[in-house]
Amino acid sequence: MKKEKQFVVIGLGRFGTSVARSLHRSGYQVLAVDINEERVQKFSDEVTHVVQADTTDEASLEALGIRNFDVAVVAIGEDIQANVLTTLLLKEMGVRYIVAKARNSLHGKMLKKIGADRVVYPEYDMGQRVAHNLVSTNVLDYIELSPNLGLVEIAAPRAFVGQTLIEAGLRPKYAINVVAIKRGEQILVPPSPTEKITAGDVLIVVGQNDGIQRLEELE
């Protein structure tokens, strides 16, 4: 087990369970918390510890030893009031780093105001990824870095196969940079400008969304 950080994930809906499982599989100590007894029972063998508790109650959080955790993920989705109050209590109790799930931009602004270190929008982010996957069958993953900037993992278009990165002209034509090439088990970081693109390569690129969109349209 890795010992660098200990995580508490509060809320065992789809987002919370996914985060908790991923952290646990990566070797971290994870405490998962939910007010719903049925969810707690279902998740009992998935992570280090699972506890039923009302995290809007300060005494319950104290009993969990919440101050000892390095990172708290507030994944409560259905009850915005519980989400906000839990985030506020965690901040007041001195949890070092708080990641909170938001339903919309107004909710996100509120979470930032009360001290969340990072606000995530799982539904929005997933919607972005699904949209890009629908637009192009080449797109394997998409992450929005800002309203105008994205990072995309895309299967190398056939038009580029056999060309070097310089010859493909990704920077001058599309205003994007190739930050890595995945080739089977091998990852080239950063790839040489003279690296030839081969069939089956996956390009990881960063750039303006309009350039990424034009790249997605290639076959």
C-alpha atoms as a PDB file:
ATOM      1  CA  MET A   1       0.000   0.000   0.000  1.00  0.00           C
ATOM      2  CA  LYS A   2       1.161   3.521  -0.753  1.00  0.00           C
ATOM      3  CA  LYS A   3       1.404   5.676   2.350  1.00  0.00           C
ATOM      4  CA  GLU A   4       1.747   9.162   0.892  1.00  0.00           C
ATOM      5  CA  LYS A   5      -1.906  10.157   1.145  1.00  0.00           C
ATOM      6  CA  GLN A   6      -5.099   8.970   2.764  1.00  0.00           C
ATOM      7  CA  PHE A   7      -8.416   9.674   1.060  1.00  0.00           C
ATOM      8  CA  VAL A   8     -11.996   9.905   2.258  1.00  0.00           C
ATOM      9  CA  VAL A   9     -14.746   9.694  -0.361  1.00  0.00           C
ATOM     10  CA  ILE A  10     -18.152  10.907   0.820  1.00  0.00           C
ATOM     11  CA  GLY A  11     -21.131   9.803  -1.233  1.00  0.00           C
ATOM     12  CA  LEU A  12     -21.306   6.412  -2.922  1.00  0.00           C
ATOM     13  CA  GLY A  13     -23.222   7.172  -6.084  1.00  0.00           C
ATOM     14  CA  ARG A  14     -21.724   6.348  -9.471  1.00  0.00           C
ATOM     15  CA  PHE A  15     -19.108   9.089  -9.293  1.00  0.00           C
ATOM     16  CA  GLY A  16     -18.085   8.417  -5.691  1.00  0.00           C
ATOM     17  CA  THR A  17     -17.785   4.657  -6.112  1.00  0.00           C
ATOM     18  CA  SER A  18     -15.727   5.104  -9.280  1.00  0.00           C
ATOM     19  CA  VAL A  19     -13.303   7.490  -7.539  1.00  0.00           C
ATOM     20  CA  ALA A  20     -13.020   5.297  -4.445  1.00  0.00           C
ATOM     21  CA  ARG A  21     -12.368   2.120  -6.461  1.00  0.00           C
ATOM     22  CA  SER A  22      -9.765   3.822  -8.643  1.00  0.00           C
ATOM     23  CA  LEU A  23      -7.864   5.197  -5.641  1.00  0.00           C
ATOM     24  CA  HIS A  24      -7.980   1.848  -3.851  1.00  0.00           C
ATOM     25  CA  ARG A  25      -6.749  -0.028  -6.925  1.00  0.00           C
ATOM     26  CA  SER A  26      -3.887   2.450  -7.148  1.00  0.00           C
ATOM     27  CA  GLY A  27      -2.776   1.353  -3.686  1.00  0.00           C
ATOM     28  CA  TYR A  28      -4.095   4.159  -1.482  1.00  0.00           C
ATOM     29  CA  GLN A  29      -5.905   3.950   1.843  1.00  0.00           C
ATOM     30  CA  VAL A  30      -9.530   4.917   1.210  1.00  0.00           C
ATOM     31  CA  LEU A  31     -12.391   5.493   3.625  1.00  0.00           C
ATOM     32  CA  ALA A  32     -15.763   5.518   1.849  1.00  0.00           C
ATOM     33  CA  VAL A  33     -18.740   7.138   3.590  1.00  0.00           C
ATOM     34  CA  ASP A  34     -22.441   7.268   2.766  1.00  0.00           C
ATOM     35  CA  ILE A  35     -25.594   7.966   4.746  1.00  0.00           C
ATOM     36  CA  ASN A  36     -27.412   5.110   2.983  1.00  0.00           C
ATOM     37  CA  GLU A  37     -26.961   1.761   4.716  1.00  0.00           C
ATOM     38  CA  GLU A  38     -27.749  -0.258   1.582  1.00  0.00           C
ATOM     39  CA  ARG A  39     -25.023   1.484  -0.415  1.00  0.00           C
ATOM     40  CA  VAL A  40     -22.542   0.956   2.402  1.00  0.00           C
ATOM     41  CA  GLN A  41     -23.323  -2.765   2.548  1.00  0.00           C
ATOM     42  CA  LYS A  42     -22.942  -3.156  -1.215  1.00  0.00           C
ATOM     43  CA  PHE A  43     -19.561  -1.406  -1.153  1.00  0.00           C
ATOM     44  CA  SER A  44     -18.210  -3.078   1.975  1.00  0.00           C
ATOM     45  CA  ASP A  45     -15.517  -5.170   0.240  1.00  0.00           C
ATOM     46  CA  GLU A  46     -14.413  -2.599  -2.314  1.00  0.00           C
ATOM     47  CA  VAL A  47     -12.055  -0.292  -0.353  1.00  0.00           C
ATOM     48  CA  THR A  48     -10.079  -0.115   2.893  1.00  0.00           C
ATOM     49  CA  HIS A  49     -13.000   0.969   5.110  1.00  0.00           C
ATOM     50  CA  VAL A  50     -16.677   1.758   4.494  1.00  0.00           C
ATOM     51  CA  VAL A  51     -18.806   3.584   7.057  1.00  0.00           C
ATOM     52  CA  GLN A  52     -22.414   4.706   7.288  1.00  0.00           C
ATOM     53  CA  ALA A  53     -22.546   8.273   8.615  1.00  0.00           C
ATOM     54  CA  ASP A  54     -24.316  11.600   8.248  1.00  0.00           C
ATOM     55  CA  THR A  55     -21.519  13.933   7.128  1.00  0.00           C
ATOM     56  CA  THR A  56     -23.637  17.038   7.707  1.00  0.00           C
ATOM     57  CA  ASP A  57     -23.200  16.328  11.428  1.00  0.00           C
ATOM     58  CA  GLU A  58     -19.930  17.650  12.839  1.00  0.00           C
ATOM     59  CA  ALA A  59     -19.828  15.058  15.628  1.00  0.00           C
ATOM     60  CA  SER A  60     -20.051  12.242  13.048  1.00  0.00           C
ATOM     61  CA  LEU A  61     -17.129  13.698  11.117  1.00  0.00           C
ATOM     62  CA  GLU A  62     -15.114  14.029  14.332  1.00  0.00           C
ATOM     63  CA  ALA A  63     -15.816  10.377  15.130  1.00  0.00           C
ATOM     64  CA  LEU A  64     -14.454   9.391  11.706  1.00  0.00           C
ATOM     65  CA  GLY A  65     -11.163  11.165  12.484  1.00  0.00           C
ATOM     66  CA  ILE A  66     -11.701  13.283   9.410  1.00  0.00           C
ATOM     67  CA  ARG A  67      -8.840  15.665  10.282  1.00  0.00           C
ATOM     68  CA  ASN A  68      -6.361  12.845   9.639  1.00  0.00           C
ATOM     69  CA  PHE A  69      -7.179  12.572   5.941  1.00  0.00           C
ATOM     70  CA  ASP A  70      -5.104  14.363   3.331  1.00  0.00           C
ATOM     71  CA  VAL A  71      -7.813  14.578   0.668  1.00  0.00           C
ATOM     72  CA  ALA A  72     -11.601  14.554   0.959  1.00  0.00           C
ATOM     73  CA  VAL A  73     -13.783  13.973  -2.088  1.00  0.00           C
ATOM     74  CA  VAL A  74     -17.346  15.214  -1.602  1.00  0.00           C
ATOM     75  CA  ALA A  75     -19.242  13.139  -4.145  1.00  0.00           C
ATOM     76  CA  ILE A  76     -22.751  13.683  -2.781  1.00  0.00           C
ATOM     77  CA  GLY A  77     -24.899  14.270  -5.851  1.00  0.00           C
ATOM     78  CA  GLU A  78     -28.606  14.173  -5.082  1.00  0.00           C
ATOM     79  CA  ASP A  79     -28.682  16.480  -2.057  1.00  0.00           C
ATOM     80  CA  ILE A  80     -27.026  19.834  -2.814  1.00  0.00           C
ATOM     81  CA  GLN A  81     -27.580  21.074   0.731  1.00  0.00           C
ATOM     82  CA  ALA A  82     -25.771  18.051   2.168  1.00  0.00           C
ATOM     83  CA  ASN A  83     -23.020  18.484  -0.417  1.00  0.00           C
ATOM     84  CA  VAL A  84     -22.454  22.137   0.529  1.00  0.00           C
ATOM     85  CA  LEU A  85     -22.732  21.644   4.290  1.00  0.00           C
ATOM     86  CA  THR A  86     -20.334  18.688   4.213  1.00  0.00           C
ATOM     87  CA  THR A  87     -17.803  20.736   2.232  1.00  0.00           C
ATOM     88  CA  LEU A  88     -18.111  23.624   4.684  1.00  0.00           C
ATOM     89  CA  LEU A  89     -17.612  21.378   7.731  1.00  0.00           C
ATOM     90  CA  LEU A  90     -14.586  19.682   6.163  1.00  0.00           C
ATOM     91  CA  LYS A  91     -13.028  23.079   5.510  1.00  0.00           C
ATOM     92  CA  GLU A  92     -13.711  24.286   9.041  1.00  0.00           C
ATOM     93  CA  MET A  93     -12.208  21.085  10.454  1.00  0.00           C
ATOM     94  CA  GLY A  94      -8.968  21.642   8.582  1.00  0.00           C
ATOM     95  CA  VAL A  95      -8.981  18.919   5.921  1.00  0.00           C
ATOM     96  CA  ARG A  96      -5.951  19.720   3.761  1.00  0.00           C
ATOM     97  CA  TYR A  97      -7.465  19.363   0.286  1.00  0.00           C
ATOM     98  CA  ILE A  98     -11.142  19.167  -0.644  1.00  0.00           C
ATOM     99  CA  VAL A  99     -12.498  18.079  -4.019  1.00  0.00           C
ATOM    100  CA  ALA A 100     -16.234  18.662  -4.376  1.00  0.00           C
ATOM    101  CA  LYS A 101     -18.677  17.525  -7.035  1.00  0.00           C
ATOM    102  CA  ALA A 102     -20.945  20.238  -8.464  1.00  0.00           C
ATOM    103  CA  ARG A 103     -24.185  19.937 -10.399  1.00  0.00           C
ATOM    104  CA  ASN A 104     -23.867  23.245 -12.249  1.00  0.00           C
ATOM    105  CA  SER A 105     -21.803  26.440 -12.404  1.00  0.00           C
ATOM    106  CA  LEU A 106     -23.753  28.221  -9.636  1.00  0.00           C
ATOM    107  CA  HIS A 107     -23.303  25.248  -7.326  1.00  0.00           C
ATOM    108  CA  GLY A 108     -19.614  25.198  -8.260  1.00  0.00           C
ATOM    109  CA  LYS A 109     -19.185  28.896  -7.419  1.00  0.00           C
ATOM    110  CA  MET A 110     -20.784  28.285  -4.029  1.00  0.00           C
ATOM    111  CA  LEU A 111     -18.407  25.405  -3.302  1.00  0.00           C
ATOM    112  CA  LYS A 112     -15.411  27.541  -4.252  1.00  0.00           C
ATOM    113  CA  LYS A 113     -16.644  30.355  -1.972  1.00  0.00           C
ATOM    114  CA  ILE A 114     -16.829  28.073   1.051  1.00  0.00           C
ATOM    115  CA  GLY A 115     -13.375  26.642   0.498  1.00  0.00           C
ATOM    116  CA  ALA A 116     -13.370  23.704  -1.924  1.00  0.00           C
ATOM    117  CA  ASP A 117      -9.866  23.474  -3.401  1.00  0.00           C
ATOM    118  CA  ARG A 118     -11.140  21.870  -6.587  1.00  0.00           C
ATOM    119  CA  VAL A 119     -14.614  21.632  -8.066  1.00  0.00           C
ATOM    120  CA  VAL A 120     -15.452  18.919 -10.592  1.00  0.00           C
ATOM    121  CA  TYR A 121     -18.431  18.596 -12.918  1.00  0.00           C
ATOM    122  CA  PRO A 122     -18.649  14.859 -13.757  1.00  0.00           C
ATOM    123  CA  GLU A 123     -21.818  15.063 -15.841  1.00  0.00           C
ATOM    124  CA  TYR A 124     -20.506  17.993 -17.890  1.00  0.00           C
ATOM    125  CA  ASP A 125     -17.073  16.424 -18.377  1.00  0.00           C
ATOM    126  CA  MET A 126     -18.609  13.125 -19.456  1.00  0.00           C
ATOM    127  CA  GLY A 127     -20.943  14.961 -21.812  1.00  0.00           C
ATOM    128  CA  GLN A 128     -17.936  16.630 -23.448  1.00  0.00           C
ATOM    129  CA  ARG A 129     -16.200  13.269 -23.886  1.00  0.00           C
ATOM    130  CA  VAL A 130     -19.273  11.526 -25.291  1.00  0.00           C
ATOM    131  CA  ALA A 131     -19.889  14.396 -27.734  1.00  0.00           C
ATOM    132  CA  HIS A 132     -16.331  14.227 -29.056  1.00  0.00           C
ATOM    133  CA  ASN A 133     -16.528  10.432 -29.327  1.00  0.00           C
ATOM    134  CA  LEU A 134     -19.740  10.736 -31.334  1.00  0.00           C
ATOM    135  CA  VAL A 135     -18.266  13.340 -33.674  1.00  0.00           C
ATOM    136  CA  SER A 136     -15.269  11.185 -34.545  1.00  0.00           C
ATOM    137  CA  THR A 137     -14.702   7.453 -34.202  1.00  0.00           C
ATOM    138  CA  ASN A 138     -10.972   8.246 -33.954  1.00  0.00           C
ATOM    139  CA  VAL A 139     -11.349  10.044 -30.620  1.00  0.00           C
ATOM    140  CA  LEU A 140     -10.552   7.823 -27.655  1.00  0.00           C
ATOM    141  CA  ASP A 141     -10.750  10.443 -24.912  1.00  0.00           C
ATOM    142  CA  TYR A 142     -11.182  14.193 -24.511  1.00  0.00           C
ATOM    143  CA  ILE A 143     -10.541  16.497 -21.552  1.00  0.00           C
ATOM    144  CA  GLU A 144     -11.433  20.175 -21.570  1.00  0.00           C
ATOM    145  CA  LEU A 145      -8.572  22.142 -20.005  1.00  0.00           C
ATOM    146  CA  SER A 146     -10.302  25.519 -20.440  1.00  0.00           C
ATOM    147  CA  PRO A 147     -13.213  26.847 -22.528  1.00  0.00           C
ATOM    148  CA  ASN A 148     -10.915  27.100 -25.573  1.00  0.00           C
ATOM    149  CA  LEU A 149      -8.265  24.482 -24.869  1.00  0.00           C
ATOM    150  CA  GLY A 150      -8.486  20.714 -24.885  1.00  0.00           C
ATOM    151  CA  LEU A 151      -6.396  17.571 -24.540  1.00  0.00           C
ATOM    152  CA  VAL A 152      -7.414  14.717 -26.802  1.00  0.00           C
ATOM    153  CA  GLU A 153      -6.298  11.136 -27.266  1.00  0.00           C
ATOM    154  CA  ILE A 154      -6.925  10.238 -30.900  1.00  0.00           C
ATOM    155  CA  ALA A 155      -6.120   7.299 -33.151  1.00  0.00           C
ATOM    156  CA  ALA A 156      -3.674   8.527 -35.793  1.00  0.00           C
ATOM    157  CA  PRO A 157      -5.650   9.445 -38.943  1.00  0.00           C
ATOM    158  CA  ARG A 158      -4.708   7.349 -41.970  1.00  0.00           C
ATOM    159  CA  ALA A 159      -3.657  10.505 -43.802  1.00  0.00           C
ATOM    160  CA  PHE A 160      -0.744  10.907 -41.374  1.00  0.00           C
ATOM    161  CA  VAL A 161       0.562   7.327 -41.427  1.00  0.00           C
ATOM    162  CA  GLY A 162       4.076   7.205 -42.841  1.00  0.00           C
ATOM    163  CA  GLN A 163       4.663  10.914 -42.259  1.00  0.00           C
ATOM    164  CA  THR A 164       6.885  12.463 -39.604  1.00  0.00           C
ATOM    165  CA  LEU A 165       5.313  14.879 -37.134  1.00  0.00           C
ATOM    166  CA  ILE A 166       6.929  17.732 -39.060  1.00  0.00           C
ATOM    167  CA  GLU A 167       5.508  16.474 -42.365  1.00  0.00           C
ATOM    168  CA  ALA A 168       2.034  16.055 -40.856  1.00  0.00           C
ATOM    169  CA  GLY A 169       2.123  19.761 -40.003  1.00  0.00           C
ATOM    170  CA  LEU A 170      -0.037  19.495 -36.918  1.00  0.00           C
ATOM    171  CA  ARG A 171       1.248  22.700 -35.360  1.00  0.00           C
ATOM    172  CA  PRO A 172       1.054  25.026 -38.392  1.00  0.00           C
ATOM    173  CA  LYS A 173      -2.138  23.498 -39.833  1.00  0.00           C
ATOM    174  CA  TYR A 174      -4.140  22.778 -36.691  1.00  0.00           C
ATOM    175  CA  ALA A 175      -2.390  24.837 -33.950  1.00  0.00           C
ATOM    176  CA  ILE A 176      -1.980  21.741 -31.807  1.00  0.00           C
ATOM    177  CA  ASN A 177       1.039  20.077 -30.213  1.00  0.00           C
ATOM    178  CA  VAL A 178       1.648  16.349 -29.968  1.00  0.00           C
ATOM    179  CA  VAL A 179       2.786  15.780 -26.380  1.00  0.00           C
ATOM    180  CA  ALA A 180       3.039  11.981 -26.597  1.00  0.00           C
ATOM    181  CA  ILE A 181       2.578   9.009 -28.917  1.00  0.00           C
ATOM    182  CA  LYS A 182       1.262   5.691 -27.588  1.00  0.00           C
ATOM    183  CA  ARG A 183       2.535   2.791 -29.678  1.00  0.00           C
ATOM    184  CA  GLY A 184       1.424  -0.503 -28.190  1.00  0.00           C
ATOM    185  CA  GLU A 185       3.115  -0.764 -24.790  1.00  0.00           C
ATOM    186  CA  GLN A 186       5.550   2.027 -25.671  1.00  0.00           C
ATOM    187  CA  ILE A 187       4.923   5.708 -24.908  1.00  0.00           C
ATOM    188  CA  LEU A 188       7.082   8.327 -26.598  1.00  0.00           C
ATOM    189  CA  VAL A 189       7.255  11.446 -24.388  1.00  0.00           C
ATOM    190  CA  PRO A 190       7.982  13.857 -25.909  1.00  0.00           C
ATOM    191  CA  PRO A 191       8.124  12.470 -29.437  1.00  0.00           C
ATOM    192  CA  SER A 192      10.839  13.688 -31.773  1.00  0.00           C
ATOM    193  CA  PRO A 193       9.640  16.007 -34.579  1.00  0.00           C
ATOM    194  CA  THR A 194      11.193  13.485 -36.991  1.00  0.00           C
ATOM    195  CA  GLU A 195       9.243  10.558 -35.472  1.00  0.00           C
ATOM    196  CA  LYS A 196       7.221   8.755 -38.143  1.00  0.00           C
ATOM    197  CA  ILE A 197       3.560   8.121 -37.417  1.00  0.00           C
ATOM    198  CA  THR A 198       2.691   4.451 -37.855  1.00  0.00           C
ATOM    199  CA  ALA A 199      -0.611   2.611 -38.227  1.00  0.00           C
ATOM    200  CA  GLY A 200      -2.120   1.958 -34.815  1.00  0.00           C
ATOM    201  CA  ASP A 201      -0.435   4.937 -33.135  1.00  0.00           C
ATOM    202  CA  VAL A 202      -2.446   6.956 -30.648  1.00  0.00           C
ATOM    203  CA  LEU A 203      -1.615  10.673 -30.593  1.00  0.00           C
ATOM    204  CA  ILE A 204      -2.057  12.678 -27.404  1.00  0.00           C
ATOM    205  CA  VAL A 205      -2.403  16.298 -28.417  1.00  0.00           C
ATOM    206  CA  VAL A 206      -3.071  19.659 -26.762  1.00  0.00           C
ATOM    207  CA  GLY A 207      -4.486  22.626 -28.601  1.00  0.00           C
ATOM    208  CA  GLN A 208      -7.269  25.045 -29.348  1.00  0.00           C
ATOM    209  CA  ASN A 209     -10.678  23.402 -29.669  1.00  0.00           C
ATOM    210  CA  ASP A 210     -11.236  24.558 -33.251  1.00  0.00           C
ATOM    211  CA  GLY A 211      -7.986  22.882 -34.339  1.00  0.00           C
ATOM    212  CA  ILE A 212      -8.881  19.729 -32.425  1.00  0.00           C
ATOM    213  CA  GLN A 213     -12.289  19.705 -34.114  1.00  0.00           C
ATOM    214  CA  ARG A 214     -10.697  19.877 -37.573  1.00  0.00           C
ATOM    215  CA  LEU A 215      -8.337  17.058 -36.627  1.00  0.00           C
ATOM    216  CA  GLU A 216     -11.287  14.934 -35.456  1.00  0.00           C
ATOM    217  CA  GLU A 217     -12.882  15.274 -38.892  1.00  0.00           C
ATOM    218  CA  LEU A 218      -9.974  13.469 -40.565  1.00  0.00           C
ATOM    219  CA  GLU A 219     -10.182   9.732 -41.215  1.00  0.00           C
END
